[in-house]
Amino acid sequence: MTACTSCGACCACFRVDFAVYELESEGGSVPDGLTVEVNGNTARMRGTDHVPIRCAALTGRLGVQVACGIYEWRPSPCREFEEGSEACHRARARNGLPPLEADLG
C-alpha cells in the first residue's frame, strides 16, 4: 500500500480547479456530475469548493485507507500532484498526519 492509498490528505485540503475541456461533456474524461462550474473556462471538483474540503470522488477514511472513485478519469491537478512534495507535506500537516518518512532505500 502506497502512502497515497492510506493518506488522502490532498483530497481533503486543496481546491481542485481545471479547464472545462477535461469534462466528459467537453470530450475529456472527468465526470461532469462530480464537478461544479466556476466560469465558462474552469470547473472544480465538487466538495473542494467549500470548507471542510473533501473531494466528492474520495472514498474511505483519511490516514487509514482511501481511494479515488475516478482515479482513471481524475483531472490534471490530481494527476500532477506528487507524493512527498511540499504541498503533500502541507496537506498531511493540515489533516493531522505525520510527515512521510524519507525513503532511505
C-alpha atoms as a PDB file:
ATOM      1  CA  MET A   1       0.000   0.000   0.000  1.00  0.00           C
ATOM      2  CA  THR A   2       1.478   3.350  -1.004  1.00  0.00           C
ATOM      3  CA  ALA A   3       1.276   6.379   1.260  1.00  0.00           C
ATOM      4  CA  CYS A   4      -1.351   7.810  -1.096  1.00  0.00           C
ATOM      5  CA  THR A   5      -3.794   4.926  -0.633  1.00  0.00           C
ATOM      6  CA  SER A   6      -3.570   5.292   3.129  1.00  0.00           C
ATOM      7  CA  CYS A   7      -3.487   9.099   3.242  1.00  0.00           C
ATOM      8  CA  GLY A   8      -5.896  11.127   1.091  1.00  0.00           C
ATOM      9  CA  ALA A   9      -4.911  14.410   2.729  1.00  0.00           C
ATOM     10  CA  CYS A  10      -4.510  16.215  -0.610  1.00  0.00           C
ATOM     11  CA  CYS A  11      -8.121  15.345  -1.474  1.00  0.00           C
ATOM     12  CA  ALA A  12      -9.224  16.995   1.759  1.00  0.00           C
ATOM     13  CA  CYS A  13      -7.039  20.075   1.615  1.00  0.00           C
ATOM     14  CA  PHE A  14      -6.932  21.792  -1.780  1.00  0.00           C
ATOM     15  CA  ARG A  15      -9.395  23.317  -4.218  1.00  0.00           C
ATOM     16  CA  VAL A  16      -9.216  21.351  -7.481  1.00  0.00           C
ATOM     17  CA  ASP A  17      -9.792  23.642 -10.472  1.00  0.00           C
ATOM     18  CA  PHE A  18      -9.184  22.562 -14.050  1.00  0.00           C
ATOM     19  CA  ALA A  19     -10.059  23.502 -17.614  1.00  0.00           C
ATOM     20  CA  VAL A  20     -13.574  22.603 -18.758  1.00  0.00           C
ATOM     21  CA  TYR A  21     -12.145  20.666 -21.723  1.00  0.00           C
ATOM     22  CA  GLU A  22     -11.296  17.903 -19.207  1.00  0.00           C
ATOM     23  CA  LEU A  23     -15.035  17.321 -18.572  1.00  0.00           C
ATOM     24  CA  GLU A  24     -16.765  14.350 -20.227  1.00  0.00           C
ATOM     25  CA  SER A  25     -19.273  16.707 -21.821  1.00  0.00           C
ATOM     26  CA  GLU A  26     -16.387  18.558 -23.493  1.00  0.00           C
ATOM     27  CA  GLY A  27     -14.579  15.458 -24.751  1.00  0.00           C
ATOM     28  CA  GLY A  28     -12.483  14.816 -21.642  1.00  0.00           C
ATOM     29  CA  SER A  29     -12.778  12.118 -19.003  1.00  0.00           C
ATOM     30  CA  VAL A  30     -13.787  13.846 -15.731  1.00  0.00           C
ATOM     31  CA  PRO A  31     -17.435  13.019 -14.887  1.00  0.00           C
ATOM     32  CA  ASP A  32     -19.496  16.224 -15.023  1.00  0.00           C
ATOM     33  CA  GLY A  33     -21.662  15.131 -12.092  1.00  0.00           C
ATOM     34  CA  LEU A  34     -18.718  15.379  -9.702  1.00  0.00           C
ATOM     35  CA  THR A  35     -17.909  18.949 -10.671  1.00  0.00           C
ATOM     36  CA  VAL A  36     -19.241  22.468 -10.342  1.00  0.00           C
ATOM     37  CA  GLU A  37     -18.825  25.284 -12.837  1.00  0.00           C
ATOM     38  CA  VAL A  38     -16.505  28.091 -11.772  1.00  0.00           C
ATOM     39  CA  ASN A  39     -16.818  30.076 -15.002  1.00  0.00           C
ATOM     40  CA  GLY A  40     -17.029  29.335 -18.714  1.00  0.00           C
ATOM     41  CA  ASN A  41     -13.444  28.090 -18.812  1.00  0.00           C
ATOM     42  CA  THR A  42     -12.946  26.465 -15.418  1.00  0.00           C
ATOM     43  CA  ALA A  43     -14.570  23.617 -13.489  1.00  0.00           C
ATOM     44  CA  ARG A  44     -13.943  22.480  -9.903  1.00  0.00           C
ATOM     45  CA  MET A  45     -14.229  19.103  -8.247  1.00  0.00           C
ATOM     46  CA  ARG A  46     -17.358  19.055  -6.094  1.00  0.00           C
ATOM     47  CA  GLY A  47     -16.504  19.074  -2.395  1.00  0.00           C
ATOM     48  CA  THR A  48     -13.349  21.124  -2.875  1.00  0.00           C
ATOM     49  CA  ASP A  49     -15.470  24.258  -3.238  1.00  0.00           C
ATOM     50  CA  HIS A  50     -16.273  24.700   0.467  1.00  0.00           C
ATOM     51  CA  VAL A  51     -14.897  24.051   3.960  1.00  0.00           C
ATOM     52  CA  PRO A  52     -14.369  21.434   5.210  1.00  0.00           C
ATOM     53  CA  ILE A  53     -12.796  20.345   1.943  1.00  0.00           C
ATOM     54  CA  ARG A  54     -13.312  16.766   0.835  1.00  0.00           C
ATOM     55  CA  CYS A  55     -13.370  15.857  -2.833  1.00  0.00           C
ATOM     56  CA  ALA A  56     -16.576  14.104  -3.876  1.00  0.00           C
ATOM     57  CA  ALA A  57     -14.504  11.368  -5.548  1.00  0.00           C
ATOM     58  CA  LEU A  58     -12.627  10.485  -2.340  1.00  0.00           C
ATOM     59  CA  THR A  59     -13.744   7.318  -0.589  1.00  0.00           C
ATOM     60  CA  GLY A  60     -12.563   5.872   2.702  1.00  0.00           C
ATOM     61  CA  ARG A  61     -11.064   7.308   5.858  1.00  0.00           C
ATOM     62  CA  LEU A  62      -8.186   9.809   5.777  1.00  0.00           C
ATOM     63  CA  GLY A  63      -4.961   8.438   7.163  1.00  0.00           C
ATOM     64  CA  VAL A  64      -6.294   4.878   7.187  1.00  0.00           C
ATOM     65  CA  GLN A  65      -7.371   3.718   3.737  1.00  0.00           C
ATOM     66  CA  VAL A  66      -8.640   5.872   0.886  1.00  0.00           C
ATOM     67  CA  ALA A  67      -9.261   5.652  -2.830  1.00  0.00           C
ATOM     68  CA  CYS A  68     -10.246   7.924  -5.673  1.00  0.00           C
ATOM     69  CA  GLY A  69     -13.543   6.874  -7.191  1.00  0.00           C
ATOM     70  CA  ILE A  70     -12.482   8.343 -10.546  1.00  0.00           C
ATOM     71  CA  TYR A  71      -8.748   7.641 -10.428  1.00  0.00           C
ATOM     72  CA  GLU A  72      -8.524   6.731 -14.135  1.00  0.00           C
ATOM     73  CA  TRP A  73     -10.559   9.837 -15.054  1.00  0.00           C
ATOM     74  CA  ARG A  74      -9.204  12.338 -12.482  1.00  0.00           C
ATOM     75  CA  PRO A  75      -8.387  15.897 -13.616  1.00  0.00           C
ATOM     76  CA  SER A  76      -4.890  17.171 -14.358  1.00  0.00           C
ATOM     77  CA  PRO A  77      -4.215  18.822 -10.951  1.00  0.00           C
ATOM     78  CA  CYS A  78      -4.697  15.409  -9.337  1.00  0.00           C
ATOM     79  CA  ARG A  79      -2.557  13.673 -11.950  1.00  0.00           C
ATOM     80  CA  GLU A  80       0.230  16.214 -11.403  1.00  0.00           C
ATOM     81  CA  PHE A  81       0.195  16.146  -7.583  1.00  0.00           C
ATOM     82  CA  GLU A  82       3.342  14.482  -6.244  1.00  0.00           C
ATOM     83  CA  GLU A  83       3.582  12.250  -3.198  1.00  0.00           C
ATOM     84  CA  GLY A  84       6.210  13.660  -0.851  1.00  0.00           C
ATOM     85  CA  SER A  85       6.120  17.170  -2.356  1.00  0.00           C
ATOM     86  CA  GLU A  86       5.939  20.310  -0.219  1.00  0.00           C
ATOM     87  CA  ALA A  87       2.196  20.516  -0.975  1.00  0.00           C
ATOM     88  CA  CYS A  88       1.812  16.885   0.126  1.00  0.00           C
ATOM     89  CA  HIS A  89       3.525  17.642   3.445  1.00  0.00           C
ATOM     90  CA  ARG A  90       1.315  20.725   3.976  1.00  0.00           C
ATOM     91  CA  ALA A  91      -1.837  18.696   3.285  1.00  0.00           C
ATOM     92  CA  ARG A  92      -0.763  15.964   5.693  1.00  0.00           C
ATOM     93  CA  ALA A  93       0.014  18.519   8.411  1.00  0.00           C
ATOM     94  CA  ARG A  94      -3.339  20.287   7.931  1.00  0.00           C
ATOM     95  CA  ASN A  95      -5.087  16.954   8.391  1.00  0.00           C
ATOM     96  CA  GLY A  96      -3.092  15.953  11.478  1.00  0.00           C
ATOM     97  CA  LEU A  97      -0.990  13.324   9.732  1.00  0.00           C
ATOM     98  CA  PRO A  98       2.754  12.961  10.321  1.00  0.00           C
ATOM     99  CA  PRO A  99       5.257  13.786   7.582  1.00  0.00           C
ATOM    100  CA  LEU A 100       6.194  10.981   5.206  1.00  0.00           C
ATOM    101  CA  GLU A 101       9.376   9.136   6.073  1.00  0.00           C
ATOM    102  CA  ALA A 102      12.241   9.735   3.667  1.00  0.00           C
ATOM    103  CA  ASP A 103      12.949   6.690   1.516  1.00  0.00           C
ATOM    104  CA  LEU A 104      16.357   5.513   2.705  1.00  0.00           C
ATOM    105  CA  GLY A 105      16.236   2.566   0.318  1.00  0.00           C
END
